[in-house]
Amino acid sequence: FEEGVGPVPVTIRAKEGRADFAQLSVAKPPEFGPEAPSSDDIA
């Protein structure tokens, strides 16, 4: 798939000739952001 974040490889698995499962690989590795808000705010 050509997506905004870049090319996304997709694997489709078939069973008895019919699509049964699809899996995509992310185009960008995980990026960790700044510290989360406080537990009080989240709660």
Full PDB file with SEQRES, HELIX, SHEET, SSBOND, CRYST1, ORIGX, SCALE, CONECT and MASTER records, all heavy atoms in Angstrom:
SEQRES   1 A   43  PHE GLU GLU GLY VAL GLY PRO VAL PRO VAL THR ILE ARG          
SEQRES   2 A   43  ALA LYS GLU GLY ARG ALA ASP PHE ALA GLN LEU SER VAL          
SEQRES   3 A   43  ALA LYS PRO PRO GLU PHE GLY PRO GLU ALA PRO SER SER          
SEQRES   4 A   43  ASP ASP ILE ALA                                              
HELIX    1 AA1 SER A   39  ILE A   42  1                                   4    
SHEET    1 AA1 2 GLU A   2  GLU A   3  0                                        
SHEET    2 AA1 2 GLY A   6  PRO A   7 -1                                        
SHEET    1 AA2 2 VAL A  10  LYS A  15  0                                        
SHEET    2 AA2 2 ARG A  18  LEU A  24 -1                                        
CRYST1    1.000    1.000    1.000  90.00  90.00  90.00 P 1           1          
ORIGX1      1.000000  0.000000  0.000000        0.00000                         
ORIGX2      0.000000  1.000000  0.000000        0.00000                         
ORIGX3      0.000000  0.000000  1.000000        0.00000                         
SCALE1      1.000000  0.000000  0.000000        0.00000                         
SCALE2      0.000000  1.000000  0.000000        0.00000                         
SCALE3      0.000000  0.000000  1.000000        0.00000                         
ATOM      1  N   PHE A   1       0.856  -1.185   0.000  1.00  0.00           N  
ATOM      2  CA  PHE A   1       0.000   0.000   0.000  1.00  0.00           C  
ATOM      3  C   PHE A   1       0.896   1.241   0.000  1.00  0.00           C  
ATOM      4  O   PHE A   1       1.861   1.314   0.770  1.00  0.00           O  
ATOM      5  CB  PHE A   1      -0.888   0.046   1.243  1.00  0.00           C  
ATOM      6  CG  PHE A   1      -2.044  -0.909   1.230  1.00  0.00           C  
ATOM      7  CD1 PHE A   1      -2.642  -1.290   2.424  1.00  0.00           C  
ATOM      8  CD2 PHE A   1      -2.552  -1.408   0.049  1.00  0.00           C  
ATOM      9  CE1 PHE A   1      -3.728  -2.159   2.426  1.00  0.00           C  
ATOM     10  CE2 PHE A   1      -3.625  -2.278   0.037  1.00  0.00           C  
ATOM     11  CZ  PHE A   1      -4.218  -2.655   1.236  1.00  0.00           C  
ATOM     12  N   GLU A   2       0.565   2.228  -0.844  1.00  0.00           N  
ATOM     13  CA  GLU A   2       1.247   3.517  -0.792  1.00  0.00           C  
ATOM     14  C   GLU A   2       0.429   4.429   0.111  1.00  0.00           C  
ATOM     15  O   GLU A   2      -0.675   4.834  -0.252  1.00  0.00           O  
ATOM     16  CB  GLU A   2       1.373   4.107  -2.196  1.00  0.00           C  
ATOM     17  CG  GLU A   2       2.283   3.310  -3.114  1.00  0.00           C  
ATOM     18  CD  GLU A   2       2.415   3.934  -4.495  1.00  0.00           C  
ATOM     19  OE1 GLU A   2       1.756   4.968  -4.733  1.00  0.00           O  
ATOM     20  OE2 GLU A   2       3.149   3.384  -5.323  1.00  0.00           O  
ATOM     21  N   GLU A   3       0.969   4.720   1.294  1.00  0.00           N  
ATOM     22  CA  GLU A   3       0.245   5.524   2.275  1.00  0.00           C  
ATOM     23  C   GLU A   3       1.040   6.789   2.593  1.00  0.00           C  
ATOM     24  O   GLU A   3       2.195   6.937   2.198  1.00  0.00           O  
ATOM     25  CB  GLU A   3      -0.013   4.716   3.542  1.00  0.00           C  
ATOM     26  CG  GLU A   3      -0.874   3.478   3.298  1.00  0.00           C  
ATOM     27  CD  GLU A   3      -1.350   2.823   4.582  1.00  0.00           C  
ATOM     28  OE1 GLU A   3      -1.115   3.382   5.661  1.00  0.00           O  
ATOM     29  OE2 GLU A   3      -1.967   1.741   4.491  1.00  0.00           O  
ATOM     30  N   GLY A   4       0.404   7.684   3.344  1.00  0.00           N  
ATOM     31  CA  GLY A   4       1.056   8.947   3.669  1.00  0.00           C  
ATOM     32  C   GLY A   4       2.354   8.778   4.438  1.00  0.00           C  
ATOM     33  O   GLY A   4       3.266   9.597   4.311  1.00  0.00           O  
ATOM     34  N   VAL A   5       2.457   7.715   5.238  1.00  0.00           N  
ATOM     35  CA  VAL A   5       3.674   7.495   6.021  1.00  0.00           C  
ATOM     36  C   VAL A   5       4.735   6.754   5.220  1.00  0.00           C  
ATOM     37  O   VAL A   5       5.848   6.564   5.692  1.00  0.00           O  
ATOM     38  CB  VAL A   5       3.367   6.705   7.316  1.00  0.00           C  
ATOM     39  CG1 VAL A   5       2.492   7.522   8.236  1.00  0.00           C  
ATOM     40  CG2 VAL A   5       2.729   5.369   6.997  1.00  0.00           C  
ATOM     41  N   GLY A   6       4.387   6.296   3.991  1.00  0.00           N  
ATOM     42  CA  GLY A   6       5.340   5.568   3.162  1.00  0.00           C  
ATOM     43  C   GLY A   6       4.774   4.237   2.698  1.00  0.00           C  
ATOM     44  O   GLY A   6       3.613   3.917   2.956  1.00  0.00           O  
ATOM     45  N   PRO A   7       5.586   3.430   1.990  1.00  0.00           N  
ATOM     46  CA  PRO A   7       5.132   2.123   1.506  1.00  0.00           C  
ATOM     47  C   PRO A   7       4.866   1.173   2.683  1.00  0.00           C  
ATOM     48  O   PRO A   7       5.680   1.062   3.597  1.00  0.00           O  
ATOM     49  CB  PRO A   7       6.312   1.622   0.661  1.00  0.00           C  
ATOM     50  CG  PRO A   7       7.160   2.824   0.404  1.00  0.00           C  
ATOM     51  CD  PRO A   7       6.960   3.740   1.557  1.00  0.00           C  
ATOM     52  N   VAL A   8       3.712   0.509   2.646  1.00  0.00           N  
ATOM     53  CA  VAL A   8       3.319  -0.408   3.716  1.00  0.00           C  
ATOM     54  C   VAL A   8       3.155  -1.817   3.117  1.00  0.00           C  
ATOM     55  O   VAL A   8       2.188  -2.078   2.402  1.00  0.00           O  
ATOM     56  CB  VAL A   8       1.999   0.037   4.372  1.00  0.00           C  
ATOM     57  CG1 VAL A   8       1.550  -0.992   5.419  1.00  0.00           C  
ATOM     58  CG2 VAL A   8       2.155   1.410   5.010  1.00  0.00           C  
ATOM     59  N   PRO A   9       4.110  -2.733   3.384  1.00  0.00           N  
ATOM     60  CA  PRO A   9       3.976  -4.106   2.890  1.00  0.00           C  
ATOM     61  C   PRO A   9       2.819  -4.826   3.590  1.00  0.00           C  
ATOM     62  O   PRO A   9       2.639  -4.696   4.804  1.00  0.00           O  
ATOM     63  CB  PRO A   9       5.319  -4.752   3.258  1.00  0.00           C  
ATOM     64  CG  PRO A   9       6.254  -3.612   3.512  1.00  0.00           C  
ATOM     65  CD  PRO A   9       5.397  -2.519   4.063  1.00  0.00           C  
ATOM     66  N   VAL A  10       2.028  -5.565   2.826  1.00  0.00           N  
ATOM     67  CA  VAL A  10       0.886  -6.304   3.349  1.00  0.00           C  
ATOM     68  C   VAL A  10       0.974  -7.752   2.881  1.00  0.00           C  
ATOM     69  O   VAL A  10       1.226  -8.012   1.706  1.00  0.00           O  
ATOM     70  CB  VAL A  10      -0.446  -5.696   2.873  1.00  0.00           C  
ATOM     71  CG1 VAL A  10      -1.632  -6.502   3.410  1.00  0.00           C  
ATOM     72  CG2 VAL A  10      -0.560  -4.245   3.295  1.00  0.00           C  
ATOM     73  N   THR A  11       0.777  -8.669   3.806  1.00  0.00           N  
ATOM     74  CA  THR A  11       0.734 -10.095   3.495  1.00  0.00           C  
ATOM     75  C   THR A  11      -0.683 -10.609   3.707  1.00  0.00           C  
ATOM     76  O   THR A  11      -1.274 -10.382   4.762  1.00  0.00           O  
ATOM     77  CB  THR A  11       1.704 -10.890   4.390  1.00  0.00           C  
ATOM     78  OG1 THR A  11       3.038 -10.419   4.154  1.00  0.00           O  
ATOM     79  CG2 THR A  11       1.637 -12.381   4.079  1.00  0.00           C  
ATOM     80  N   ILE A  12      -1.235 -11.277   2.691  1.00  0.00           N  
ATOM     81  CA  ILE A  12      -2.572 -11.856   2.774  1.00  0.00           C  
ATOM     82  C   ILE A  12      -2.427 -13.372   2.788  1.00  0.00           C  
ATOM     83  O   ILE A  12      -1.786 -13.946   1.907  1.00  0.00           O  
ATOM     84  CB  ILE A  12      -3.441 -11.440   1.574  1.00  0.00           C  
ATOM     85  CG1 ILE A  12      -3.508  -9.912   1.469  1.00  0.00           C  
ATOM     86  CG2 ILE A  12      -4.840 -12.031   1.682  1.00  0.00           C  
ATOM     87  CD1 ILE A  12      -4.056  -9.425   0.145  1.00  0.00           C  
ATOM     88  N   ARG A  13      -2.994 -13.995   3.794  1.00  0.00           N  
ATOM     89  CA  ARG A  13      -2.971 -15.466   3.872  1.00  0.00           C  
ATOM     90  C   ARG A  13      -4.333 -16.012   3.456  1.00  0.00           C  
ATOM     91  O   ARG A  13      -5.371 -15.454   3.835  1.00  0.00           O  
ATOM     92  CB  ARG A  13      -2.630 -15.922   5.284  1.00  0.00           C  
ATOM     93  CG  ARG A  13      -1.271 -15.448   5.770  1.00  0.00           C  
ATOM     94  CD  ARG A  13      -1.040 -15.844   7.208  1.00  0.00           C  
ATOM     95  NE  ARG A  13       0.087 -15.122   7.790  1.00  0.00           N  
ATOM     96  CZ  ARG A  13       0.308 -15.009   9.085  1.00  0.00           C  
ATOM     97  NH1 ARG A  13      -0.523 -15.571   9.952  1.00  0.00           N  
ATOM     98  NH2 ARG A  13       1.355 -14.335   9.526  1.00  0.00           N  
ATOM     99  N   ALA A  14      -4.311 -17.076   2.665  1.00  0.00           N  
ATOM    100  CA  ALA A  14      -5.545 -17.667   2.155  1.00  0.00           C  
ATOM    101  C   ALA A  14      -5.744 -19.065   2.717  1.00  0.00           C  
ATOM    102  O   ALA A  14      -4.785 -19.770   3.047  1.00  0.00           O  
ATOM    103  CB  ALA A  14      -5.516 -17.726   0.629  1.00  0.00           C  
ATOM    104  N   LYS A  15      -7.008 -19.436   2.845  1.00  0.00           N  
ATOM    105  CA  LYS A  15      -7.378 -20.782   3.265  1.00  0.00           C  
ATOM    106  C   LYS A  15      -8.481 -21.268   2.332  1.00  0.00           C  
ATOM    107  O   LYS A  15      -9.501 -20.592   2.173  1.00  0.00           O  
ATOM    108  CB  LYS A  15      -7.861 -20.775   4.722  1.00  0.00           C  
ATOM    109  CG  LYS A  15      -8.208 -22.155   5.273  1.00  0.00           C  
ATOM    110  CD  LYS A  15      -8.709 -22.055   6.710  1.00  0.00           C  
ATOM    111  CE  LYS A  15      -7.620 -21.580   7.660  1.00  0.00           C  
ATOM    112  NZ  LYS A  15      -8.102 -21.569   9.085  1.00  0.00           N  
ATOM    113  N   GLU A  16      -8.235 -22.396   1.704  1.00  0.00           N  
ATOM    114  CA  GLU A  16      -9.184 -22.968   0.748  1.00  0.00           C  
ATOM    115  C   GLU A  16      -9.572 -21.959  -0.329  1.00  0.00           C  
ATOM    116  O   GLU A  16     -10.730 -21.834  -0.731  1.00  0.00           O  
ATOM    117  CB  GLU A  16     -10.433 -23.480   1.476  1.00  0.00           C  
ATOM    118  CG  GLU A  16     -10.122 -24.598   2.474  1.00  0.00           C  
ATOM    119  CD  GLU A  16     -11.357 -25.072   3.216  1.00  0.00           C  
ATOM    120  OE1 GLU A  16     -12.439 -24.464   3.025  1.00  0.00           O  
ATOM    121  OE2 GLU A  16     -11.237 -26.053   3.975  1.00  0.00           O  
ATOM    122  N   GLY A  17      -8.578 -21.199  -0.784  1.00  0.00           N  
ATOM    123  CA  GLY A  17      -8.783 -20.273  -1.882  1.00  0.00           C  
ATOM    124  C   GLY A  17      -9.428 -18.953  -1.523  1.00  0.00           C  
ATOM    125  O   GLY A  17      -9.708 -18.144  -2.412  1.00  0.00           O  
ATOM    126  N   ARG A  18      -9.646 -18.687  -0.240  1.00  0.00           N  
ATOM    127  CA  ARG A  18     -10.283 -17.446   0.190  1.00  0.00           C  
ATOM    128  C   ARG A  18      -9.390 -16.715   1.194  1.00  0.00           C  
ATOM    129  O   ARG A  18      -8.728 -17.343   2.023  1.00  0.00           O  
ATOM    130  CB  ARG A  18     -11.644 -17.728   0.835  1.00  0.00           C  
ATOM    131  CG  ARG A  18     -12.648 -18.369  -0.115  1.00  0.00           C  
ATOM    132  CD  ARG A  18     -13.956 -18.677   0.601  1.00  0.00           C  
ATOM    133  NE  ARG A  18     -14.593 -17.450   1.078  1.00  0.00           N  
ATOM    134  CZ  ARG A  18     -15.398 -16.712   0.320  1.00  0.00           C  
ATOM    135  NH1 ARG A  18     -15.657 -17.076  -0.923  1.00  0.00           N  
ATOM    136  NH2 ARG A  18     -15.960 -15.631   0.819  1.00  0.00           N  
ATOM    137  N   ALA A  19      -9.393 -15.392   1.105  1.00  0.00           N  
ATOM    138  CA  ALA A  19      -8.594 -14.595   2.035  1.00  0.00           C  
ATOM    139  C   ALA A  19      -9.060 -14.845   3.464  1.00  0.00           C  
ATOM    140  O   ALA A  19     -10.251 -14.779   3.755  1.00  0.00           O  
ATOM    141  CB  ALA A  19      -8.717 -13.122   1.689  1.00  0.00           C  
ATOM    142  N   ASP A  20      -8.106 -15.136   4.357  1.00  0.00           N  
ATOM    143  CA  ASP A  20      -8.454 -15.500   5.726  1.00  0.00           C  
ATOM    144  C   ASP A  20      -7.781 -14.604   6.764  1.00  0.00           C  
ATOM    145  O   ASP A  20      -8.273 -14.475   7.881  1.00  0.00           O  
ATOM    146  CB  ASP A  20      -8.055 -16.959   5.973  1.00  0.00           C  
ATOM    147  CG  ASP A  20      -8.428 -17.444   7.361  1.00  0.00           C  
ATOM    148  OD1 ASP A  20      -9.640 -17.511   7.650  1.00  0.00           O  
ATOM    149  OD2 ASP A  20      -7.509 -17.745   8.152  1.00  0.00           O  
ATOM    150  N   PHE A  21      -6.682 -13.942   6.399  1.00  0.00           N  
ATOM    151  CA  PHE A  21      -5.909 -13.161   7.375  1.00  0.00           C  
ATOM    152  C   PHE A  21      -5.045 -12.176   6.603  1.00  0.00           C  
ATOM    153  O   PHE A  21      -4.515 -12.509   5.541  1.00  0.00           O  
ATOM    154  CB  PHE A  21      -5.029 -14.104   8.207  1.00  0.00           C  
ATOM    155  CG  PHE A  21      -4.222 -13.438   9.289  1.00  0.00           C  
ATOM    156  CD1 PHE A  21      -4.733 -13.285  10.568  1.00  0.00           C  
ATOM    157  CD2 PHE A  21      -2.933 -12.985   9.038  1.00  0.00           C  
ATOM    158  CE1 PHE A  21      -3.987 -12.685  11.580  1.00  0.00           C  
ATOM    159  CE2 PHE A  21      -2.173 -12.388  10.039  1.00  0.00           C  
ATOM    160  CZ  PHE A  21      -2.704 -12.243  11.313  1.00  0.00           C  
ATOM    161  N   ALA A  22      -4.908 -10.961   7.107  1.00  0.00           N  
ATOM    162  CA  ALA A  22      -4.021  -9.968   6.500  1.00  0.00           C  
ATOM    163  C   ALA A  22      -3.141  -9.350   7.567  1.00  0.00           C  
ATOM    164  O   ALA A  22      -3.581  -9.132   8.697  1.00  0.00           O  
ATOM    165  CB  ALA A  22      -4.821  -8.886   5.780  1.00  0.00           C  
ATOM    166  N   GLN A  23      -1.894  -9.077   7.188  1.00  0.00           N  
ATOM    167  CA  GLN A  23      -0.935  -8.500   8.134  1.00  0.00           C  
ATOM    168  C   GLN A  23      -0.148  -7.403   7.439  1.00  0.00           C  
ATOM    169  O   GLN A  23       0.353  -7.585   6.328  1.00  0.00           O  
ATOM    170  CB  GLN A  23       0.024  -9.584   8.635  1.00  0.00           C  
ATOM    171  CG  GLN A  23       1.031  -9.110   9.665  1.00  0.00           C  
ATOM    172  CD  GLN A  23       2.035 -10.196  10.006  1.00  0.00           C  
ATOM    173  OE1 GLN A  23       2.828 -10.600   9.166  1.00  0.00           O  
ATOM    174  NE2 GLN A  23       1.993 -10.677  11.245  1.00  0.00           N  
ATOM    175  N   LEU A  24      -0.052  -6.240   8.090  1.00  0.00           N  
ATOM    176  CA  LEU A  24       0.727  -5.146   7.520  1.00  0.00           C  
ATOM    177  C   LEU A  24       1.976  -4.894   8.347  1.00  0.00           C  
ATOM    178  O   LEU A  24       1.996  -5.143   9.559  1.00  0.00           O  
ATOM    179  CB  LEU A  24      -0.110  -3.873   7.418  1.00  0.00           C  
ATOM    180  CG  LEU A  24      -0.633  -3.209   8.700  1.00  0.00           C  
ATOM    181  CD1 LEU A  24       0.420  -2.266   9.310  1.00  0.00           C  
ATOM    182  CD2 LEU A  24      -1.900  -2.423   8.421  1.00  0.00           C  
ATOM    183  N   SER A  25       3.020  -4.416   7.681  1.00  0.00           N  
ATOM    184  CA  SER A  25       4.260  -4.025   8.350  1.00  0.00           C  
ATOM    185  C   SER A  25       4.311  -2.509   8.401  1.00  0.00           C  
ATOM    186  O   SER A  25       4.053  -1.834   7.396  1.00  0.00           O  
ATOM    187  CB  SER A  25       5.480  -4.551   7.581  1.00  0.00           C  
ATOM    188  OG  SER A  25       5.471  -5.967   7.518  1.00  0.00           O  
ATOM    189  N   VAL A  26       4.620  -1.950   9.558  1.00  0.00           N  
ATOM    190  CA  VAL A  26       4.591  -0.496   9.691  1.00  0.00           C  
ATOM    191  C   VAL A  26       5.728   0.138   8.894  1.00  0.00           C  
ATOM    192  O   VAL A  26       6.810  -0.430   8.762  1.00  0.00           O  
ATOM    193  CB  VAL A  26       4.667  -0.066  11.173  1.00  0.00           C  
ATOM    194  CG1 VAL A  26       3.497  -0.657  11.951  1.00  0.00           C  
ATOM    195  CG2 VAL A  26       5.989  -0.456  11.798  1.00  0.00           C  
ATOM    196  N   ALA A  27       5.446   1.327   8.351  1.00  0.00           N  
ATOM    197  CA  ALA A  27       6.431   2.029   7.535  1.00  0.00           C  
ATOM    198  C   ALA A  27       7.442   2.785   8.386  1.00  0.00           C  
ATOM    199  O   ALA A  27       8.553   3.060   7.945  1.00  0.00           O  
ATOM    200  CB  ALA A  27       5.721   2.998   6.586  1.00  0.00           C  
ATOM    201  N   LYS A  28       7.039   3.148   9.623  1.00  0.00           N  
ATOM    202  CA  LYS A  28       7.913   3.917  10.498  1.00  0.00           C  
ATOM    203  C   LYS A  28       8.125   3.164  11.805  1.00  0.00           C  
ATOM    204  O   LYS A  28       7.168   2.642  12.376  1.00  0.00           O  
ATOM    205  CB  LYS A  28       7.290   5.282  10.803  1.00  0.00           C  
ATOM    206  CG  LYS A  28       7.144   6.195   9.608  1.00  0.00           C  
ATOM    207  CD  LYS A  28       6.463   7.492   9.989  1.00  0.00           C  
ATOM    208  CE  LYS A  28       7.296   8.290  10.974  1.00  0.00           C  
ATOM    209  NZ  LYS A  28       6.708   9.614  11.290  1.00  0.00           N  
ATOM    210  N   PRO A  29       9.353   3.091  12.300  1.00  0.00           N  
ATOM    211  CA  PRO A  29       9.579   2.446  13.600  1.00  0.00           C  
ATOM    212  C   PRO A  29       8.943   3.259  14.716  1.00  0.00           C  
ATOM    213  O   PRO A  29       8.654   4.454  14.554  1.00  0.00           O  
ATOM    214  CB  PRO A  29      11.112   2.429  13.722  1.00  0.00           C  
ATOM    215  CG  PRO A  29      11.559   3.569  12.866  1.00  0.00           C  
ATOM    216  CD  PRO A  29      10.589   3.635  11.715  1.00  0.00           C  
ATOM    217  N   PRO A  30       8.693   2.641  15.866  1.00  0.00           N  
ATOM    218  CA  PRO A  30       8.055   3.363  16.975  1.00  0.00           C  
ATOM    219  C   PRO A  30       8.871   4.574  17.423  1.00  0.00           C  
ATOM    220  O   PRO A  30      10.092   4.526  17.522  1.00  0.00           O  
ATOM    221  CB  PRO A  30       7.983   2.307  18.083  1.00  0.00           C  
ATOM    222  CG  PRO A  30       8.043   1.000  17.369  1.00  0.00           C  
ATOM    223  CD  PRO A  30       8.932   1.225  16.189  1.00  0.00           C  
ATOM    224  N   GLU A  31       8.166   5.653  17.670  1.00  0.00           N  
ATOM    225  CA  GLU A  31       8.760   6.883  18.192  1.00  0.00           C  
ATOM    226  C   GLU A  31       8.107   7.190  19.535  1.00  0.00           C  
ATOM    227  O   GLU A  31       6.882   7.174  19.648  1.00  0.00           O  
ATOM    228  CB  GLU A  31       8.520   8.039  17.216  1.00  0.00           C  
ATOM    229  CG  GLU A  31       8.991   9.384  17.721  1.00  0.00           C  
ATOM    230  CD  GLU A  31       8.585  10.535  16.804  1.00  0.00           C  
ATOM    231  OE1 GLU A  31       7.894  10.280  15.796  1.00  0.00           O  
ATOM    232  OE2 GLU A  31       8.942  11.689  17.116  1.00  0.00           O  
ATOM    233  N   PHE A  32       8.927   7.455  20.540  1.00  0.00           N  
ATOM    234  CA  PHE A  32       8.411   7.731  21.880  1.00  0.00           C  
ATOM    235  C   PHE A  32       8.353   9.236  22.113  1.00  0.00           C  
ATOM    236  O   PHE A  32       9.312   9.956  21.835  1.00  0.00           O  
ATOM    237  CB  PHE A  32       9.273   7.042  22.934  1.00  0.00           C  
ATOM    238  CG  PHE A  32       9.153   5.547  22.903  1.00  0.00           C  
ATOM    239  CD1 PHE A  32       9.885   4.800  21.998  1.00  0.00           C  
ATOM    240  CD2 PHE A  32       8.281   4.887  23.755  1.00  0.00           C  
ATOM    241  CE1 PHE A  32       9.755   3.416  21.939  1.00  0.00           C  
ATOM    242  CE2 PHE A  32       8.145   3.508  23.713  1.00  0.00           C  
ATOM    243  CZ  PHE A  32       8.881   2.778  22.801  1.00  0.00           C  
ATOM    244  N   GLY A  33       7.206   9.686  22.594  1.00  0.00           N  
ATOM    245  CA  GLY A  33       6.976  11.104  22.787  1.00  0.00           C  
ATOM    246  C   GLY A  33       7.383  11.592  24.165  1.00  0.00           C  
ATOM    247  O   GLY A  33       8.041  10.873  24.930  1.00  0.00           O  
ATOM    248  N   PRO A  34       6.991  12.806  24.515  1.00  0.00           N  
ATOM    249  CA  PRO A  34       7.325  13.383  25.822  1.00  0.00           C  
ATOM    250  C   PRO A  34       6.596  12.664  26.953  1.00  0.00           C  
ATOM    251  O   PRO A  34       5.737  11.812  26.719  1.00  0.00           O  
ATOM    252  CB  PRO A  34       6.859  14.830  25.699  1.00  0.00           C  
ATOM    253  CG  PRO A  34       5.827  14.802  24.621  1.00  0.00           C  
ATOM    254  CD  PRO A  34       6.236  13.733  23.666  1.00  0.00           C  
ATOM    255  N   GLU A  35       6.942  13.012  28.172  1.00  0.00           N  
ATOM    256  CA  GLU A  35       6.323  12.406  29.343  1.00  0.00           C  
ATOM    257  C   GLU A  35       4.811  12.587  29.319  1.00  0.00           C  
ATOM    258  O   GLU A  35       4.302  13.614  28.871  1.00  0.00           O  
ATOM    259  CB  GLU A  35       6.896  13.011  30.623  1.00  0.00           C  
ATOM    260  CG  GLU A  35       8.293  12.521  30.982  1.00  0.00           C  
ATOM    261  CD  GLU A  35       8.327  11.029  31.263  1.00  0.00           C  
ATOM    262  OE1 GLU A  35       7.454  10.539  32.028  1.00  0.00           O  
ATOM    263  OE2 GLU A  35       9.209  10.348  30.706  1.00  0.00           O  
ATOM    264  N   ALA A  36       4.121  11.576  29.806  1.00  0.00           N  
ATOM    265  CA  ALA A  36       2.662  11.606  29.816  1.00  0.00           C  
ATOM    266  C   ALA A  36       2.153  12.579  30.878  1.00  0.00           C  
ATOM    267  O   ALA A  36       2.860  12.903  31.838  1.00  0.00           O  
ATOM    268  CB  ALA A  36       2.130  10.208  30.099  1.00  0.00           C  
ATOM    269  N   PRO A  37       0.907  13.035  30.732  1.00  0.00           N  
ATOM    270  CA  PRO A  37       0.290  13.833  31.804  1.00  0.00           C  
ATOM    271  C   PRO A  37       0.240  13.029  33.104  1.00  0.00           C  
ATOM    272  O   PRO A  37       0.448  11.809  33.116  1.00  0.00           O  
ATOM    273  CB  PRO A  37      -1.114  14.116  31.257  1.00  0.00           C  
ATOM    274  CG  PRO A  37      -0.979  14.009  29.772  1.00  0.00           C  
ATOM    275  CD  PRO A  37       0.049  12.928  29.550  1.00  0.00           C  
ATOM    276  N   SER A  38      -0.069  13.680  34.190  1.00  0.00           N  
ATOM    277  CA  SER A  38      -0.087  13.030  35.495  1.00  0.00           C  
ATOM    278  C   SER A  38      -1.210  11.994  35.586  1.00  0.00           C  
ATOM    279  O   SER A  38      -2.215  12.070  34.859  1.00  0.00           O  
ATOM    280  CB  SER A  38      -0.266  14.067  36.598  1.00  0.00           C  
ATOM    281  OG  SER A  38      -1.576  14.609  36.537  1.00  0.00           O  
ATOM    282  N   SER A  39      -1.034  11.042  36.505  1.00  0.00           N  
ATOM    283  CA  SER A  39      -2.085  10.048  36.741  1.00  0.00           C  
ATOM    284  C   SER A  39      -3.386  10.702  37.185  1.00  0.00           C  
ATOM    285  O   SER A  39      -4.474  10.236  36.842  1.00  0.00           O  
ATOM    286  CB  SER A  39      -1.624   9.039  37.804  1.00  0.00           C  
ATOM    287  OG  SER A  39      -0.562   8.247  37.316  1.00  0.00           O  
ATOM    288  N   ASP A  40      -3.279  11.799  37.940  1.00  0.00           N  
ATOM    289  CA  ASP A  40      -4.486  12.510  38.365  1.00  0.00           C  
ATOM    290  C   ASP A  40      -5.253  13.053  37.165  1.00  0.00           C  
ATOM    291  O   ASP A  40      -6.480  12.931  37.094  1.00  0.00           O  
ATOM    292  CB  ASP A  40      -4.117  13.650  39.311  1.00  0.00           C  
ATOM    293  CG  ASP A  40      -3.702  13.171  40.696  1.00  0.00           C  
ATOM    294  OD1 ASP A  40      -3.967  11.991  41.016  1.00  0.00           O  
ATOM    295  OD2 ASP A  40      -3.112  13.963  41.445  1.00  0.00           O  
ATOM    296  N   ASP A  41      -4.532  13.649  36.213  1.00  0.00           N  
ATOM    297  CA  ASP A  41      -5.187  14.194  35.022  1.00  0.00           C  
ATOM    298  C   ASP A  41      -5.787  13.089  34.162  1.00  0.00           C  
ATOM    299  O   ASP A  41      -6.905  13.214  33.648  1.00  0.00           O  
ATOM    300  CB  ASP A  41      -4.192  15.003  34.197  1.00  0.00           C  
ATOM    301  CG  ASP A  41      -3.951  16.396  34.767  1.00  0.00           C  
ATOM    302  OD1 ASP A  41      -4.681  16.794  35.698  1.00  0.00           O  
ATOM    303  OD2 ASP A  41      -3.022  17.071  34.299  1.00  0.00           O  
ATOM    304  N   ILE A  42      -5.042  11.988  33.996  1.00  0.00           N  
ATOM    305  CA  ILE A  42      -5.545  10.878  33.186  1.00  0.00           C  
ATOM    306  C   ILE A  42      -6.770  10.252  33.838  1.00  0.00           C  
ATOM    307  O   ILE A  42      -7.757   9.944  33.164  1.00  0.00           O  
ATOM    308  CB  ILE A  42      -4.436   9.827  32.970  1.00  0.00           C  
ATOM    309  CG1 ILE A  42      -3.287  10.427  32.150  1.00  0.00           C  
ATOM    310  CG2 ILE A  42      -4.996   8.597  32.268  1.00  0.00           C  
ATOM    311  CD1 ILE A  42      -2.076   9.532  32.041  1.00  0.00           C  
ATOM    312  N   ALA A  43      -6.713  10.066  35.150  1.00  0.00           N  
ATOM    313  CA  ALA A  43      -7.848   9.481  35.867  1.00  0.00           C  
ATOM    314  C   ALA A  43      -9.083  10.373  35.741  1.00  0.00           C  
ATOM    315  O   ALA A  43     -10.201   9.884  35.526  1.00  0.00           O  
ATOM    316  CB  ALA A  43      -7.495   9.274  37.337  1.00  0.00           C  
TER     317      ALA A  43                                                      
MASTER        0    0    0    1    4    0    0    6  316    1    0    4          
END                                                                             
